[in-house]
């Protein structure tokens, strides 16, 4: 058997590998760009939300049960809120309540002001 038959041309292999990668990248790049699926809104009845005193409206926080609450604090000002800093309305993700969107106007006992 000749030497060329035992060891196929490496440049041909490289070309085929590059072509496969390029074709895959083209297919991925052609997918329509859509927004990520919206996160479900966090319910105040959720067990973790209840334990942290989450309220969709910070004005409804029971300060007797959660003495760390200070009037005027809300999720839009919290470092765990994944929306725009200072956002006062709408919903966005939260690092504390992974997989859920919280109301920017809400509050929970994990509140930690952005620095």
N, C-alpha and C. Protein backbone atom coordinates (compact mmCIF):
# COMPACT_ATOMS: atom_id res chain seq x y z
N UNK A 1 0.85 -1.17 0.00
CA UNK A 1 0.00 0.00 0.00
C UNK A 1 0.90 1.24 0.00
N UNK A 2 0.54 2.21 -0.81
CA UNK A 2 1.40 3.39 -0.90
C UNK A 2 1.27 4.23 0.37
N UNK A 3 2.28 5.05 0.60
CA UNK A 3 2.33 5.90 1.79
C UNK A 3 1.17 6.89 1.82
N UNK A 4 0.74 7.42 0.67
CA UNK A 4 -0.33 8.40 0.63
C UNK A 4 -1.67 7.79 1.01
N UNK A 5 -1.88 6.50 0.77
CA UNK A 5 -3.14 5.84 1.13
C UNK A 5 -3.23 5.59 2.63
N UNK A 6 -2.07 5.34 3.30
CA UNK A 6 -2.07 5.08 4.74
C UNK A 6 -2.36 6.37 5.53
N UNK A 7 -1.89 7.50 5.07
CA UNK A 7 -2.04 8.77 5.76
C UNK A 7 -2.73 9.76 4.84
N UNK A 8 -4.04 9.87 4.92
CA UNK A 8 -4.74 10.81 4.05
C UNK A 8 -4.19 12.22 4.22
N UNK A 9 -4.35 13.01 3.21
CA UNK A 9 -3.84 14.38 3.19
C UNK A 9 -4.37 15.17 4.38
N UNK A 10 -3.47 15.68 5.22
CA UNK A 10 -3.89 16.42 6.41
C UNK A 10 -4.56 17.74 6.04
N UNK A 11 -4.19 18.34 4.94
CA UNK A 11 -4.85 19.59 4.55
C UNK A 11 -6.32 19.33 4.17
N UNK A 12 -6.59 18.18 3.61
CA UNK A 12 -7.97 17.81 3.28
C UNK A 12 -8.78 17.63 4.57
N UNK A 13 -8.17 16.97 5.56
CA UNK A 13 -8.83 16.79 6.86
C UNK A 13 -9.11 18.14 7.51
N UNK A 14 -8.15 19.00 7.48
CA UNK A 14 -8.30 20.32 8.08
C UNK A 14 -9.42 21.09 7.38
N UNK A 15 -9.46 20.99 6.05
CA UNK A 15 -10.52 21.67 5.30
C UNK A 15 -11.89 21.14 5.71
N UNK A 16 -12.04 19.83 5.78
CA UNK A 16 -13.34 19.23 6.13
C UNK A 16 -13.74 19.61 7.56
N UNK A 17 -12.80 19.62 8.48
CA UNK A 17 -13.11 20.00 9.86
C UNK A 17 -13.54 21.46 9.93
N UNK A 18 -12.82 22.32 9.23
CA UNK A 18 -13.16 23.75 9.21
C UNK A 18 -14.52 23.96 8.57
N UNK A 19 -14.80 23.24 7.50
CA UNK A 19 -16.08 23.37 6.82
C UNK A 19 -17.23 22.95 7.73
N UNK A 20 -17.03 21.88 8.49
CA UNK A 20 -18.07 21.42 9.41
C UNK A 20 -18.35 22.46 10.49
N UNK A 21 -17.30 23.03 11.04
CA UNK A 21 -17.45 24.06 12.08
C UNK A 21 -18.15 25.29 11.49
N UNK A 22 -17.73 25.70 10.30
CA UNK A 22 -18.34 26.87 9.66
C UNK A 22 -19.82 26.64 9.37
N UNK A 23 -20.16 25.44 8.90
CA UNK A 23 -21.57 25.14 8.62
C UNK A 23 -22.40 25.17 9.90
N UNK A 24 -21.86 24.63 10.98
CA UNK A 24 -22.57 24.66 12.26
C UNK A 24 -22.77 26.08 12.74
N UNK A 25 -21.73 26.89 12.62
CA UNK A 25 -21.83 28.29 13.06
C UNK A 25 -22.85 29.04 12.22
N UNK A 26 -22.91 28.74 10.92
CA UNK A 26 -23.88 29.41 10.05
C UNK A 26 -25.30 29.05 10.45
N UNK A 27 -25.54 27.79 10.76
CA UNK A 27 -26.88 27.36 11.16
C UNK A 27 -27.29 28.03 12.45
N UNK A 28 -26.39 28.08 13.41
CA UNK A 28 -26.68 28.72 14.70
C UNK A 28 -26.91 30.21 14.50
N UNK A 29 -26.11 30.84 13.66
CA UNK A 29 -26.23 32.27 13.42
C UNK A 29 -27.49 32.66 12.67
N UNK A 30 -28.10 31.73 11.95
CA UNK A 30 -29.30 32.04 11.17
C UNK A 30 -30.59 31.94 11.98
N UNK A 31 -30.50 31.41 13.19
CA UNK A 31 -31.71 31.32 14.02
C UNK A 31 -32.22 32.72 14.31
N UNK A 32 -33.54 32.90 14.29
CA UNK A 32 -34.05 34.24 14.61
C UNK A 32 -33.74 34.60 16.05
N UNK A 33 -33.39 35.83 16.26
CA UNK A 33 -33.08 36.29 17.62
C UNK A 33 -34.39 36.65 18.30
N UNK A 34 -34.69 35.93 19.35
CA UNK A 34 -35.90 36.20 20.11
C UNK A 34 -35.52 36.48 21.55
N UNK A 35 -36.38 37.18 22.23
CA UNK A 35 -36.14 37.47 23.64
C UNK A 35 -36.25 36.16 24.43
N UNK A 36 -35.54 36.10 25.51
CA UNK A 36 -35.66 34.93 26.38
C UNK A 36 -37.09 34.86 26.90
N UNK A 37 -37.53 33.66 27.14
CA UNK A 37 -38.88 33.49 27.66
C UNK A 37 -39.02 34.28 28.96
N UNK A 38 -40.12 34.93 29.09
CA UNK A 38 -40.37 35.75 30.29
C UNK A 38 -40.42 34.84 31.52
N UNK A 39 -39.84 35.32 32.58
CA UNK A 39 -39.88 34.58 33.84
C UNK A 39 -41.25 34.72 34.47
N UNK A 40 -41.74 33.68 35.14
CA UNK A 40 -43.01 33.81 35.85
C UNK A 40 -42.86 34.79 37.02
N UNK A 41 -43.91 35.51 37.30
CA UNK A 41 -43.87 36.47 38.41
C UNK A 41 -43.92 35.72 39.73
N UNK A 42 -43.14 36.17 40.67
CA UNK A 42 -43.10 35.57 42.00
C UNK A 42 -44.40 35.83 42.73
N UNK A 43 -44.95 34.80 43.31
CA UNK A 43 -46.17 34.93 44.10
C UNK A 43 -45.81 35.16 45.57
N UNK A 44 -46.56 36.01 46.22
CA UNK A 44 -46.35 36.24 47.65
C UNK A 44 -46.63 34.97 48.45
N UNK A 45 -47.36 34.02 47.86
CA UNK A 45 -47.70 32.76 48.53
C UNK A 45 -46.57 31.73 48.42
N UNK A 46 -45.57 31.97 47.59
CA UNK A 46 -44.44 31.06 47.44
C UNK A 46 -43.77 30.89 48.81
N UNK A 47 -43.41 29.66 49.20
CA UNK A 47 -42.83 29.44 50.54
C UNK A 47 -41.58 30.29 50.82
N UNK A 48 -40.66 30.40 49.86
CA UNK A 48 -39.47 31.22 50.09
C UNK A 48 -39.85 32.69 50.18
N UNK A 49 -40.78 33.12 49.32
CA UNK A 49 -41.24 34.51 49.36
C UNK A 49 -41.87 34.83 50.71
N UNK A 50 -42.67 33.90 51.22
CA UNK A 50 -43.31 34.10 52.53
C UNK A 50 -42.26 34.21 53.64
N UNK A 51 -41.28 33.32 53.59
CA UNK A 51 -40.27 33.31 54.66
C UNK A 51 -39.43 34.59 54.66
N UNK A 52 -39.28 35.22 53.49
CA UNK A 52 -38.51 36.46 53.41
C UNK A 52 -39.38 37.70 53.39
N UNK A 53 -40.67 37.51 53.63
CA UNK A 53 -41.58 38.65 53.73
C UNK A 53 -41.78 39.40 52.42
N UNK A 54 -41.62 38.72 51.28
CA UNK A 54 -41.76 39.39 49.99
C UNK A 54 -43.15 39.98 49.83
N UNK A 55 -43.19 41.22 49.43
CA UNK A 55 -44.43 41.91 49.07
C UNK A 55 -44.20 42.55 47.72
N UNK A 56 -45.17 42.41 46.82
CA UNK A 56 -45.07 43.00 45.49
C UNK A 56 -45.12 44.52 45.57
N UNK A 57 -45.65 45.04 46.66
CA UNK A 57 -45.69 46.49 46.88
C UNK A 57 -45.00 46.77 48.21
N UNK A 58 -43.89 47.48 48.17
CA UNK A 58 -43.12 47.71 49.41
C UNK A 58 -43.91 48.49 50.46
N UNK A 59 -44.97 49.16 50.07
CA UNK A 59 -45.78 49.90 51.05
C UNK A 59 -46.64 48.98 51.90
N UNK A 60 -46.69 47.69 51.56
CA UNK A 60 -47.51 46.73 52.31
C UNK A 60 -46.68 45.85 53.24
N UNK A 61 -45.41 46.17 53.41
CA UNK A 61 -44.54 45.38 54.29
C UNK A 61 -44.94 45.62 55.74
N UNK A 62 -45.08 44.54 56.50
CA UNK A 62 -45.40 44.63 57.92
C UNK A 62 -44.09 44.89 58.68
N UNK A 63 -43.84 46.14 59.02
CA UNK A 63 -42.57 46.49 59.66
C UNK A 63 -42.45 45.91 61.08
N UNK A 64 -43.57 45.48 61.66
CA UNK A 64 -43.48 44.82 62.97
C UNK A 64 -42.87 43.43 62.81
N UNK A 65 -43.19 42.74 61.73
CA UNK A 65 -42.63 41.41 61.46
C UNK A 65 -41.24 41.50 60.85
N UNK A 66 -40.98 42.57 60.11
CA UNK A 66 -39.70 42.74 59.42
C UNK A 66 -39.11 44.10 59.77
N UNK A 67 -38.52 44.18 60.96
CA UNK A 67 -37.99 45.48 61.44
C UNK A 67 -36.83 46.02 60.60
N UNK A 68 -36.24 45.20 59.73
CA UNK A 68 -35.16 45.70 58.89
C UNK A 68 -35.69 46.57 57.74
N UNK A 69 -36.99 46.50 57.50
CA UNK A 69 -37.57 47.32 56.43
C UNK A 69 -37.51 48.81 56.80
N UNK A 70 -37.04 49.59 55.83
CA UNK A 70 -37.02 51.04 56.00
C UNK A 70 -37.89 51.62 54.90
N UNK A 71 -38.84 52.50 55.25
CA UNK A 71 -39.71 53.08 54.23
C UNK A 71 -38.89 53.65 53.06
N UNK A 72 -39.38 53.38 51.87
CA UNK A 72 -38.71 53.86 50.66
C UNK A 72 -37.81 52.82 50.01
N UNK A 73 -37.49 51.71 50.70
CA UNK A 73 -36.69 50.65 50.09
C UNK A 73 -37.59 49.84 49.17
N UNK A 74 -37.08 49.48 48.01
CA UNK A 74 -37.83 48.62 47.10
C UNK A 74 -36.86 47.85 46.21
N UNK A 75 -37.34 46.79 45.59
CA UNK A 75 -36.50 45.88 44.81
C UNK A 75 -35.66 46.59 43.76
N UNK A 76 -36.20 47.61 43.12
CA UNK A 76 -35.46 48.32 42.08
C UNK A 76 -34.18 48.96 42.59
N UNK A 77 -34.04 49.10 43.91
CA UNK A 77 -32.84 49.68 44.51
C UNK A 77 -31.91 48.62 45.08
N UNK A 78 -32.29 47.36 44.96
CA UNK A 78 -31.55 46.26 45.59
C UNK A 78 -30.47 45.70 44.67
N UNK A 79 -29.35 45.30 45.26
CA UNK A 79 -28.25 44.74 44.46
C UNK A 79 -28.59 43.38 43.86
N UNK A 80 -29.58 42.68 44.38
CA UNK A 80 -29.95 41.37 43.85
C UNK A 80 -30.95 41.47 42.69
N UNK A 81 -31.53 42.63 42.49
CA UNK A 81 -32.50 42.86 41.42
C UNK A 81 -31.75 42.94 40.09
N UNK A 82 -32.23 42.21 39.08
CA UNK A 82 -31.52 42.12 37.81
C UNK A 82 -32.04 43.11 36.76
N UNK A 83 -32.93 43.99 37.15
CA UNK A 83 -33.41 45.02 36.23
C UNK A 83 -32.49 46.23 36.27
N UNK A 84 -32.98 47.33 35.72
CA UNK A 84 -32.19 48.55 35.71
C UNK A 84 -32.10 49.12 37.13
N UNK A 85 -30.93 49.61 37.52
CA UNK A 85 -30.80 50.21 38.86
C UNK A 85 -31.81 51.35 39.04
N UNK A 86 -32.53 51.33 40.15
CA UNK A 86 -33.50 52.37 40.46
C UNK A 86 -34.83 52.20 39.76
N UNK A 87 -35.00 51.11 39.01
CA UNK A 87 -36.26 50.85 38.30
C UNK A 87 -37.39 50.84 39.31
N UNK A 88 -38.44 51.62 39.05
CA UNK A 88 -39.52 51.76 40.03
C UNK A 88 -40.78 50.98 39.65
N UNK A 89 -40.84 50.45 38.43
CA UNK A 89 -42.01 49.67 38.05
C UNK A 89 -41.60 48.60 37.06
N UNK A 90 -42.46 47.62 36.89
CA UNK A 90 -42.17 46.50 36.00
C UNK A 90 -41.57 45.33 36.76
N UNK A 91 -41.22 44.30 36.04
CA UNK A 91 -40.69 43.08 36.64
C UNK A 91 -39.33 42.75 36.05
N UNK A 92 -38.49 42.11 36.85
CA UNK A 92 -37.19 41.63 36.39
C UNK A 92 -36.77 40.48 37.30
N UNK A 93 -35.75 39.76 36.87
CA UNK A 93 -35.24 38.64 37.65
C UNK A 93 -34.62 39.10 38.96
N UNK A 94 -34.40 38.13 39.84
CA UNK A 94 -33.82 38.41 41.15
C UNK A 94 -32.89 37.26 41.50
N UNK A 95 -31.71 37.59 42.03
CA UNK A 95 -30.76 36.56 42.41
C UNK A 95 -31.24 35.74 43.61
N UNK A 96 -32.06 36.31 44.44
CA UNK A 96 -32.58 35.59 45.61
C UNK A 96 -33.67 34.60 45.18
N UNK A 97 -34.54 35.04 44.30
CA UNK A 97 -35.66 34.21 43.83
C UNK A 97 -35.37 33.75 42.41
N UNK A 98 -34.35 32.92 42.26
CA UNK A 98 -33.92 32.45 40.94
C UNK A 98 -35.08 31.79 40.19
N UNK A 99 -35.21 32.14 38.92
CA UNK A 99 -36.26 31.56 38.10
C UNK A 99 -37.56 32.33 38.14
N UNK A 100 -37.60 33.40 38.90
CA UNK A 100 -38.81 34.22 39.01
C UNK A 100 -38.48 35.69 38.76
N UNK A 101 -39.48 36.41 38.32
CA UNK A 101 -39.37 37.86 38.19
C UNK A 101 -40.07 38.48 39.39
N UNK A 102 -39.46 39.48 39.97
CA UNK A 102 -40.06 40.19 41.10
C UNK A 102 -40.48 41.57 40.63
N UNK A 103 -41.43 42.14 41.33
CA UNK A 103 -41.89 43.49 41.02
C UNK A 103 -40.83 44.48 41.48
N UNK A 104 -40.46 45.40 40.61
CA UNK A 104 -39.45 46.40 40.96
C UNK A 104 -39.90 47.22 42.17
N UNK A 105 -41.19 47.31 42.38
CA UNK A 105 -41.77 48.07 43.48
C UNK A 105 -41.90 47.23 44.75
N UNK A 106 -41.46 45.96 44.69
CA UNK A 106 -41.59 45.05 45.83
C UNK A 106 -40.47 45.19 46.85
N UNK A 107 -40.48 44.30 47.83
CA UNK A 107 -39.47 44.29 48.90
C UNK A 107 -39.42 42.92 49.52
N UNK A 108 -38.25 42.51 50.02
CA UNK A 108 -38.13 41.31 50.85
C UNK A 108 -37.02 41.55 51.88
N UNK A 109 -36.94 40.66 52.86
CA UNK A 109 -35.98 40.82 53.95
C UNK A 109 -34.53 40.68 53.48
N UNK A 110 -34.29 40.22 52.26
CA UNK A 110 -32.94 40.13 51.72
C UNK A 110 -32.48 41.43 51.08
N UNK A 111 -33.29 42.47 51.19
CA UNK A 111 -32.95 43.76 50.56
C UNK A 111 -31.54 44.17 50.96
N UNK A 112 -30.77 44.56 49.96
CA UNK A 112 -29.41 45.06 50.19
C UNK A 112 -29.19 46.15 49.16
N UNK A 113 -29.10 47.38 49.62
CA UNK A 113 -29.01 48.53 48.72
C UNK A 113 -27.80 48.41 47.79
N UNK A 114 -28.00 48.84 46.56
CA UNK A 114 -26.88 48.89 45.61
C UNK A 114 -25.88 49.93 46.10
N UNK A 115 -24.63 49.65 45.85
CA UNK A 115 -23.62 50.63 46.28
C UNK A 115 -23.29 51.60 45.18
